[in-house]
Amino acid sequence: MPFGAFDKLHFARFVVLKDETLGDLAAFGMPIPEYPVRLAFIGECDGPSKKILRELASHPIAKKGIKEIFSHCTDFRWSSDLFEWMRGHEVRSIASYANWRGRTVRQAHEEAKLRDALVRYIDRNGDVLADASPREIRAQLVGHIDELVENGEIALTRPARTPIGWWLKSTFHFLIPFLAAAAVGAIVWYFPFLLLPLLAVAVAFLLVFVVVLRAYEKSEPEVIARPTRAHAEGLAVNEDHDVTNQYSVIGSVKPSWFRLWTMTLFLWATEYGARHIYNRGHLARIRTILFAHWTFIDNRKRMIFFTSYDGNLDAYMEDFINKVGWGLNLLFGPGVAYPRTRWLTHGGSKEEQKFKYTNRRHELLTAVWYKAYPGLTAYDLARNARIRQGYEISLMSDREVLAWLRDL
C-alpha cells in the first residue's frame, strides 16, 4: 500500500469493526444483536473523496493491494470495478473535524522544509547573526530563502483557488440557522399574534425535554467494565510510534428514540461548528486533534469514531475531560456503557476512571495507519505556517519581527 505516492492523502487507516461490547445491550433488556464483522477504510484527503478514490483505484500497486485486502469482504470480486465498488460502499460521516481547513499535504511538507532550511542557516551562521539586529537577521534569512526558492531547492506553492461549487455549498450550510431564524422572525413580524404561542411551544418543548432527559438519566443502567489486560496491551502495541497517535472506537447507541435524536442533534451542531467556527487549529479549547469523524452504521444503531491526535491516549482523554468534558457528555452520553450523566452536561466524563475504562474497552485495533508527515504535530504545522507567512510579508513591525524569530 504505497500511501506516500498520493500527495493529497493526509492520513489513512484500515480497521476491522468487530464489536466485542454488544453484550452490554442485555442490561437494557435487549437481545444481543448479530452484526456482520465489517472492514473500514478511512482516509483524510485534500479535495473531494471521489478524486482520491479514483487515484487509488488506478494506481497499479495500490490497486492490487487494496483488492487483496477487500477480497476478504463477502461481496467483493476480483472482477469488480474497484472505484465503483468503493464508491458504492462509501458511508458519510454525520460530523467531521479538520484541524485547519484548507491546509494541504503539500503545504505541510513545504513549510516544514522552509523551517528546516532557516534553522540550518541559523546554526551555520550563529556567530555572524549574534551581533545583528532582529530586522537585519530577518533580512538575511529572507535573502537566503529567496536564493533557495530561485534555485529550486525548496518550493512554496501558492494555495489553489477554492472551487466555486464548494464555496457555495459551504456558504449555504453556514446560513442555514440564520435563514431559519429569519423565517421565524418574518412569521412573527407579519403575524405578531403568533409570538406568544410560539414562545409557549418553545418553553413547553424545553420543559418536556428536561423531564424526559432526567427520567432517562435516572433509569438507564450504567454498564461500566474494566478492559482486560490483553485488550489494553494489544492496543498499546500500535501506539506512540510517532508524535501523533490514532484512535478508533465503536459502540452502540442506547435503545431509545430520544437518545438517538439528541445525539443526532448535537452531532449536527458539532459538524456546523467544526466547519464554520473551529476550523483554524482548535476544537473548542483542544488543539491536539488533527482529524476526527463520527459515523453512524447499522441503521444508526451503532456509532464509530475515528481520530488522529498528538500525544498519548491518557493525555488526550485528560485534555478533553478538563477542558470540554461537557462536550463529551453531549456527544457520547447517548452511548451504551458511557458513565451516567446529570442534566446532560454533568457527571459522565468527570467520572474519570469510568470514562477511561469505557474508552479503552470500546477501542478497536487500528490494523493499518498512515500519516503523511511523521514527526510533525498540529502545533508544528501551525508554527510552520506562521513562519511562511512571516517570510512572505513584505512589511513587519519590530514586534512582529521578534515574534517571527521566536517561532524559529
Protein backbone atom coordinates (compact mmCIF):
# COMPACT_ATOMS: atom_id res chain seq x y z
CA MET A 1 0.00 0.00 0.00
CA PRO A 2 2.12 2.94 -1.25
CA PHE A 3 0.15 5.64 0.55
CA GLY A 4 3.08 8.03 0.20
CA ALA A 5 2.58 8.04 -3.57
CA PHE A 6 -0.60 10.10 -3.12
CA ASP A 7 0.34 13.68 -2.37
CA LYS A 8 -3.17 14.65 -1.28
CA LEU A 9 -3.60 11.97 1.39
CA HIS A 10 -3.04 13.19 4.97
CA PHE A 11 -3.98 10.06 6.94
CA ALA A 12 -5.34 6.61 6.13
CA ARG A 13 -6.29 3.52 8.13
CA PHE A 14 -7.82 0.07 7.90
CA VAL A 15 -9.85 -1.08 10.89
CA VAL A 16 -11.75 -4.34 11.39
CA LEU A 17 -15.06 -3.39 13.03
CA LYS A 18 -15.53 -6.33 15.37
CA ASP A 19 -17.55 -5.12 18.35
CA GLU A 20 -16.86 -7.15 21.50
CA THR A 21 -19.17 -5.00 23.66
CA LEU A 22 -22.56 -5.91 22.15
CA GLY A 23 -23.38 -7.93 25.27
CA ASP A 24 -23.81 -4.64 27.16
CA LEU A 25 -27.22 -4.26 25.49
CA ALA A 26 -28.54 -7.06 27.68
CA ALA A 27 -28.57 -4.58 30.59
CA PHE A 28 -31.22 -2.65 28.67
CA GLY A 29 -33.38 -5.74 28.23
CA MET A 30 -32.36 -6.02 24.59
CA PRO A 31 -31.41 -9.23 22.79
CA ILE A 32 -27.79 -9.29 21.78
CA PRO A 33 -27.72 -8.38 18.07
CA GLU A 34 -25.60 -10.16 15.49
CA TYR A 35 -23.90 -7.71 13.19
CA PRO A 36 -21.51 -8.74 10.44
CA VAL A 37 -17.83 -8.04 11.03
CA ARG A 38 -17.01 -5.08 8.80
CA LEU A 39 -13.85 -3.58 7.38
CA ALA A 40 -13.47 0.19 7.46
CA PHE A 41 -11.08 2.12 5.23
CA ILE A 42 -10.77 5.76 6.28
CA GLY A 43 -8.75 8.47 4.61
CA GLU A 44 -8.41 12.22 5.08
CA CYS A 45 -7.52 13.93 1.84
CA ASP A 46 -7.33 17.25 0.02
CA GLY A 47 -10.27 17.78 -2.30
CA PRO A 48 -13.25 15.50 -2.91
CA SER A 49 -13.09 11.86 -1.80
CA LYS A 50 -14.16 10.77 -5.27
CA LYS A 51 -10.88 12.01 -6.71
CA ILE A 52 -8.59 10.24 -4.26
CA LEU A 53 -10.59 7.01 -4.58
CA ARG A 54 -10.16 7.16 -8.34
CA GLU A 55 -6.42 7.69 -7.92
CA LEU A 56 -6.16 4.75 -5.52
CA ALA A 57 -8.16 2.53 -7.88
CA SER A 58 -5.99 3.40 -10.89
CA HIS A 59 -2.54 3.17 -9.27
CA PRO A 60 -1.10 -0.22 -10.31
CA ILE A 61 0.44 -1.09 -6.93
CA ALA A 62 -2.23 0.42 -4.69
CA LYS A 63 -4.98 -1.12 -6.78
CA LYS A 64 -3.53 -4.59 -6.31
CA GLY A 65 -3.01 -4.06 -2.57
CA ILE A 66 -6.50 -2.73 -1.97
CA LYS A 67 -8.05 -5.56 -3.98
CA GLU A 68 -6.14 -8.12 -1.92
CA ILE A 69 -7.49 -6.53 1.27
CA PHE A 70 -11.08 -6.14 0.05
CA SER A 71 -11.08 -9.66 -1.37
CA HIS A 72 -11.83 -10.79 2.19
CA CYS A 73 -15.14 -8.89 2.08
CA THR A 74 -18.19 -11.03 1.29
CA ASP A 75 -19.46 -9.05 -1.71
CA PHE A 76 -16.15 -8.20 -3.39
CA ARG A 77 -14.94 -9.95 -6.54
CA TRP A 78 -11.62 -9.55 -8.31
CA SER A 79 -13.56 -8.69 -11.43
CA SER A 80 -15.32 -5.82 -9.62
CA ASP A 81 -14.61 -2.28 -10.73
CA LEU A 82 -12.62 -1.15 -7.68
CA PHE A 83 -13.55 2.52 -7.90
CA GLU A 84 -17.27 1.85 -8.32
CA TRP A 85 -17.21 -0.75 -5.55
CA MET A 86 -15.58 1.68 -3.10
CA ARG A 87 -17.97 4.46 -4.10
CA GLY A 88 -20.91 2.11 -3.63
CA HIS A 89 -19.74 1.27 -0.10
CA GLU A 90 -18.83 4.81 0.93
CA VAL A 91 -20.50 5.94 4.17
CA ARG A 92 -20.69 9.64 5.00
CA SER A 93 -19.85 10.82 8.49
CA ILE A 94 -22.51 12.81 10.30
CA ALA A 95 -19.77 15.07 11.72
CA SER A 96 -16.12 15.63 10.85
CA TYR A 97 -13.37 17.87 12.15
CA ALA A 98 -10.19 19.00 10.42
CA ASN A 99 -7.57 20.89 12.41
CA TRP A 100 -7.04 23.52 9.72
CA ARG A 101 -9.40 23.54 6.76
CA GLY A 102 -7.54 24.30 3.57
CA ARG A 103 -4.09 23.16 4.71
CA THR A 104 -2.84 20.66 2.15
CA VAL A 105 -0.32 17.83 2.43
CA ARG A 106 1.95 19.70 0.04
CA GLN A 107 1.75 22.81 2.19
CA ALA A 108 2.65 20.83 5.32
CA HIS A 109 5.74 19.36 3.65
CA GLU A 110 6.89 22.58 2.02
CA GLU A 111 6.52 24.66 5.16
CA ALA A 112 8.40 22.05 7.20
CA LYS A 113 11.28 22.24 4.70
CA LEU A 114 11.18 26.03 4.91
CA ARG A 115 11.66 25.99 8.67
CA ASP A 116 14.38 23.33 8.44
CA ALA A 117 16.27 25.49 5.93
CA LEU A 118 16.01 28.53 8.22
CA VAL A 119 17.16 26.58 11.28
CA ARG A 120 20.14 25.14 9.39
CA TYR A 121 21.15 28.61 8.24
CA ILE A 122 20.98 29.95 11.79
CA ASP A 123 23.03 27.03 13.11
CA ARG A 124 25.73 27.62 10.50
CA ASN A 125 25.83 31.39 10.86
CA GLY A 126 25.15 31.86 14.55
CA ASP A 127 28.31 33.88 15.20
CA VAL A 128 27.51 36.42 12.48
CA LEU A 129 23.84 36.70 13.40
CA ALA A 130 24.60 37.15 17.11
CA ASP A 131 25.62 40.80 16.61
CA ALA A 132 22.84 41.70 14.16
CA SER A 133 19.56 43.42 14.98
CA PRO A 134 16.28 41.48 14.62
CA ARG A 135 15.49 43.24 11.35
CA GLU A 136 18.97 42.51 10.00
CA ILE A 137 18.61 38.85 10.98
CA ARG A 138 15.26 38.61 9.22
CA ALA A 139 16.68 40.30 6.10
CA GLN A 140 19.48 37.72 5.92
CA LEU A 141 17.08 34.84 6.45
CA VAL A 142 14.66 36.10 3.81
CA GLY A 143 17.50 36.58 1.37
CA HIS A 144 18.72 33.04 1.99
CA ILE A 145 15.26 31.58 1.37
CA ASP A 146 14.83 33.69 -1.76
CA GLU A 147 18.01 32.14 -3.09
CA LEU A 148 16.88 28.60 -2.26
CA VAL A 149 13.50 29.18 -3.92
CA GLU A 150 15.15 30.63 -7.02
CA ASN A 151 17.50 27.63 -7.24
CA GLY A 152 14.59 25.21 -6.83
CA GLU A 153 15.97 23.74 -3.61
CA ILE A 154 12.72 24.45 -1.80
CA ALA A 155 9.25 25.27 -3.11
CA LEU A 156 6.42 27.33 -1.67
CA THR A 157 3.42 26.54 -3.82
CA ARG A 158 0.59 29.05 -3.72
CA PRO A 159 -2.73 27.64 -2.46
CA ALA A 160 -5.19 26.63 -5.14
CA ARG A 161 -8.35 28.67 -5.55
CA THR A 162 -11.38 27.37 -3.67
CA PRO A 163 -13.80 25.72 -6.14
CA ILE A 164 -16.90 27.88 -6.56
CA GLY A 165 -19.20 24.89 -6.00
CA TRP A 166 -17.58 24.06 -2.65
CA TRP A 167 -17.74 27.72 -1.59
CA LEU A 168 -21.43 27.97 -2.46
CA LYS A 169 -22.30 24.79 -0.57
CA SER A 170 -20.32 25.90 2.46
CA THR A 171 -21.93 29.33 2.43
CA PHE A 172 -25.42 27.86 2.25
CA HIS A 173 -24.61 25.46 5.08
CA PHE A 174 -23.37 28.39 7.18
CA LEU A 175 -26.56 30.34 6.54
CA ILE A 176 -28.99 27.54 7.46
CA PRO A 177 -29.55 28.57 11.12
CA PHE A 178 -29.71 32.25 10.16
CA LEU A 179 -32.26 31.53 7.43
CA ALA A 180 -34.32 29.51 9.89
CA ALA A 181 -34.19 32.34 12.44
CA ALA A 182 -35.10 34.86 9.73
CA ALA A 183 -38.07 32.73 8.69
CA VAL A 184 -39.36 32.60 12.27
CA GLY A 185 -38.76 36.35 12.63
CA ALA A 186 -40.69 37.04 9.43
CA ILE A 187 -43.62 34.96 10.63
CA VAL A 188 -43.74 36.85 13.92
CA TRP A 189 -43.35 40.20 12.11
CA TYR A 190 -46.29 39.58 9.83
CA PHE A 191 -48.33 37.65 12.36
CA PRO A 192 -47.43 39.17 15.76
CA PHE A 193 -50.25 37.32 17.46
CA LEU A 194 -48.23 34.12 16.92
CA LEU A 195 -45.36 35.32 19.13
CA LEU A 196 -46.83 34.16 22.44
CA PRO A 197 -47.96 30.76 21.07
CA LEU A 198 -44.51 30.17 19.59
CA LEU A 199 -42.82 31.08 22.87
CA ALA A 200 -45.24 28.84 24.74
CA VAL A 201 -44.45 25.94 22.42
CA ALA A 202 -40.69 26.52 22.83
CA VAL A 203 -40.94 26.65 26.64
CA ALA A 204 -43.18 23.57 26.71
CA PHE A 205 -40.76 21.70 24.45
CA LEU A 206 -37.82 22.63 26.71
CA LEU A 207 -39.66 21.50 29.83
CA VAL A 208 -40.65 18.20 28.26
CA PHE A 209 -37.08 17.70 27.06
CA VAL A 210 -35.66 18.27 30.54
CA VAL A 211 -38.21 15.97 32.21
CA VAL A 212 -37.67 13.16 29.71
CA LEU A 213 -33.89 13.62 29.89
CA ARG A 214 -33.78 13.25 33.67
CA ALA A 215 -36.09 10.26 33.51
CA TYR A 216 -33.70 8.52 31.13
CA GLU A 217 -30.60 9.54 33.10
CA LYS A 218 -32.02 8.14 36.33
CA SER A 219 -33.47 4.93 34.92
CA GLU A 220 -30.87 3.79 32.38
CA PRO A 221 -28.41 1.17 33.64
CA GLU A 222 -24.77 2.19 33.94
CA VAL A 223 -22.65 -0.50 32.33
CA ILE A 224 -19.02 0.01 33.28
CA ALA A 225 -16.47 -2.75 32.90
CA ARG A 226 -12.70 -2.62 33.10
CA PRO A 227 -10.93 -3.56 29.85
CA THR A 228 -8.92 -6.76 30.02
CA ARG A 229 -5.18 -6.51 30.25
CA ALA A 230 -4.81 -8.44 27.00
CA HIS A 231 -7.06 -5.95 25.19
CA ALA A 232 -5.19 -2.93 26.56
CA GLU A 233 -1.78 -4.41 25.80
CA GLY A 234 -2.86 -5.34 22.28
CA LEU A 235 -3.88 -1.74 21.60
CA ALA A 236 -0.69 -0.33 23.15
CA VAL A 237 1.44 -2.16 20.60
CA ASN A 238 0.30 0.25 17.87
CA GLU A 239 0.64 3.44 19.95
CA ASP A 240 3.37 6.03 20.49
CA HIS A 241 5.41 5.25 17.37
CA ASP A 242 5.17 8.91 16.38
CA VAL A 243 4.27 12.23 18.00
CA THR A 244 0.73 11.59 16.70
CA ASN A 245 -1.49 8.62 17.55
CA GLN A 246 -4.60 7.02 16.09
CA TYR A 247 -7.81 6.16 17.90
CA SER A 248 -10.65 4.00 16.56
CA VAL A 249 -13.70 3.19 18.67
CA ILE A 250 -17.10 1.53 18.19
CA GLY A 251 -20.20 1.43 20.37
CA SER A 252 -23.96 1.03 20.41
CA VAL A 253 -26.45 3.87 20.80
CA LYS A 254 -28.78 3.46 23.78
CA PRO A 255 -32.01 1.88 22.51
CA SER A 256 -34.37 4.85 22.62
CA TRP A 257 -35.57 7.33 20.01
CA PHE A 258 -34.88 10.15 22.49
CA ARG A 259 -31.21 9.28 22.87
CA LEU A 260 -30.73 8.84 19.14
CA TRP A 261 -32.48 12.14 18.42
CA THR A 262 -30.40 14.12 20.92
CA MET A 263 -27.18 12.51 19.72
CA THR A 264 -28.01 13.36 16.10
CA LEU A 265 -28.83 16.95 17.05
CA PHE A 266 -25.59 17.53 18.92
CA LEU A 267 -23.54 15.87 16.19
CA TRP A 268 -25.14 18.16 13.63
CA ALA A 269 -24.13 21.11 15.83
CA THR A 270 -20.60 19.68 16.02
CA GLU A 271 -20.42 19.42 12.24
CA TYR A 272 -21.59 23.02 11.91
CA GLY A 273 -19.08 24.29 14.47
CA ALA A 274 -16.19 22.28 13.01
CA ARG A 275 -16.94 23.56 9.52
CA HIS A 276 -17.52 27.23 10.25
CA ILE A 277 -16.15 28.11 13.70
CA TYR A 278 -13.47 25.69 14.88
CA ASN A 279 -11.56 25.37 11.61
CA ARG A 280 -8.31 27.14 12.44
CA GLY A 281 -6.29 24.90 14.69
CA HIS A 282 -8.59 24.07 17.59
CA LEU A 283 -11.82 22.32 18.51
CA ALA A 284 -13.17 24.40 21.39
CA ARG A 285 -10.08 24.55 23.67
CA ILE A 286 -8.44 21.40 22.27
CA ARG A 287 -5.52 21.97 19.91
CA THR A 288 -4.09 18.46 19.60
CA ILE A 289 -6.65 16.91 17.23
CA LEU A 290 -5.70 16.68 13.57
CA PHE A 291 -8.83 14.93 12.25
CA ALA A 292 -11.94 13.34 13.77
CA HIS A 293 -15.06 11.64 12.35
CA TRP A 294 -18.35 10.49 13.87
CA THR A 295 -20.20 7.96 11.67
CA PHE A 296 -23.44 6.04 12.17
CA ILE A 297 -23.63 2.47 10.93
CA ASP A 298 -26.27 -0.29 11.01
CA ASN A 299 -29.29 1.95 10.63
CA ARG A 300 -27.93 4.39 13.25
CA LYS A 301 -27.88 1.73 15.94
CA ARG A 302 -24.09 1.96 16.29
CA MET A 303 -21.53 4.71 16.10
CA ILE A 304 -17.88 4.56 15.02
CA PHE A 305 -15.44 7.33 15.90
CA PHE A 306 -12.02 7.81 14.35
CA THR A 307 -9.43 10.42 15.20
CA SER A 308 -5.74 11.25 14.88
CA TYR A 309 -4.29 13.30 17.74
CA ASP A 310 -0.96 14.44 19.17
CA GLY A 311 0.44 12.90 22.34
CA ASN A 312 -0.57 9.71 24.14
CA LEU A 313 -4.08 8.49 24.82
CA ASP A 314 -4.17 9.31 28.54
CA ALA A 315 -3.12 12.91 27.88
CA TYR A 316 -5.68 13.14 25.07
CA MET A 317 -8.53 11.95 27.29
CA GLU A 318 -7.50 14.15 30.22
CA ASP A 319 -7.30 17.16 27.93
CA PHE A 320 -10.90 16.59 26.92
CA ILE A 321 -12.10 15.84 30.45
CA ASN A 322 -10.55 19.00 31.88
CA LYS A 323 -11.42 21.40 29.05
CA VAL A 324 -14.61 20.19 27.35
CA GLY A 325 -15.96 17.36 29.46
CA TRP A 326 -19.47 18.70 28.91
CA GLY A 327 -18.97 18.31 25.17
CA LEU A 328 -18.01 14.67 25.58
CA ASN A 329 -21.23 14.12 27.51
CA LEU A 330 -23.33 15.72 24.78
CA LEU A 331 -21.79 13.62 22.01
CA PHE A 332 -21.12 10.29 23.72
CA GLY A 333 -23.60 10.32 26.61
CA PRO A 334 -26.26 8.56 24.46
CA GLY A 335 -23.86 5.64 24.02
CA VAL A 336 -24.23 2.34 25.85
CA ALA A 337 -21.67 1.95 28.69
CA TYR A 338 -20.99 5.67 28.96
CA PRO A 339 -20.78 6.86 32.60
CA ARG A 340 -24.04 8.23 33.93
CA THR A 341 -24.67 11.93 33.25
CA ARG A 342 -26.66 14.52 35.22
CA TRP A 343 -28.58 17.18 33.33
CA LEU A 344 -26.66 16.05 30.24
CA THR A 345 -23.54 18.14 30.89
CA HIS A 346 -22.56 16.98 34.42
CA GLY A 347 -21.07 13.69 35.52
CA GLY A 348 -20.21 11.41 32.64
CA SER A 349 -16.64 12.14 31.61
CA LYS A 350 -15.97 13.72 35.02
CA GLU A 351 -16.03 10.17 36.37
CA GLU A 352 -12.51 9.94 35.02
CA GLN A 353 -11.68 6.30 35.69
CA LYS A 354 -15.06 5.06 34.43
CA PHE A 355 -14.69 7.24 31.34
CA LYS A 356 -11.21 5.87 30.60
CA TYR A 357 -12.36 2.28 31.11
CA THR A 358 -15.22 2.82 28.64
CA ASN A 359 -12.96 4.42 26.05
CA ARG A 360 -10.31 1.73 26.22
CA ARG A 361 -12.84 -1.10 26.24
CA HIS A 362 -14.61 0.16 23.12
CA GLU A 363 -11.38 0.95 21.28
CA LEU A 364 -10.52 -1.13 18.23
CA LEU A 365 -7.11 -2.18 16.99
CA THR A 366 -6.17 0.07 14.07
CA ALA A 367 -4.62 -2.57 11.86
CA VAL A 368 -3.02 -0.13 9.38
CA TRP A 369 -2.38 3.55 9.94
CA TYR A 370 -0.58 6.05 7.71
CA LYS A 371 0.49 9.64 8.38
CA ALA A 372 1.83 11.79 5.57
CA TYR A 373 4.06 13.99 7.75
CA PRO A 374 5.54 11.96 10.63
CA GLY A 375 7.25 13.92 13.36
CA LEU A 376 5.02 16.97 12.95
CA THR A 377 2.33 17.88 15.46
CA ALA A 378 -0.60 20.24 14.97
CA TYR A 379 1.46 22.85 16.83
CA ASP A 380 4.37 22.33 14.42
CA LEU A 381 2.09 22.71 11.39
CA ALA A 382 0.63 25.97 12.74
CA ARG A 383 4.08 27.32 13.64
CA ASN A 384 5.47 26.46 10.22
CA ALA A 385 2.52 28.24 8.59
CA ARG A 386 3.28 31.37 10.65
CA ILE A 387 6.93 31.18 9.59
CA ARG A 388 5.94 31.06 5.95
CA GLN A 389 3.52 33.93 6.41
CA GLY A 390 6.27 35.98 8.08
CA TYR A 391 8.65 35.21 5.22
CA GLU A 392 6.13 36.29 2.58
CA ILE A 393 5.04 39.52 4.31
CA SER A 394 6.94 42.50 2.97
CA LEU A 395 6.41 44.88 5.90
CA MET A 396 6.57 43.87 9.56
CA SER A 397 6.71 45.85 12.81
CA ASP A 398 9.55 45.29 15.28
CA ARG A 399 7.21 43.27 17.48
CA GLU A 400 6.15 41.09 14.55
CA VAL A 401 9.79 40.51 13.57
CA LEU A 402 10.64 39.34 17.11
CA ALA A 403 7.57 37.06 17.19
CA TRP A 404 8.60 35.58 13.83
CA LEU A 405 12.15 34.92 15.01
CA ARG A 406 10.89 33.29 18.20
CA ASP A 407 8.94 30.78 16.08
CA LEU A 408 12.24 29.61 14.65
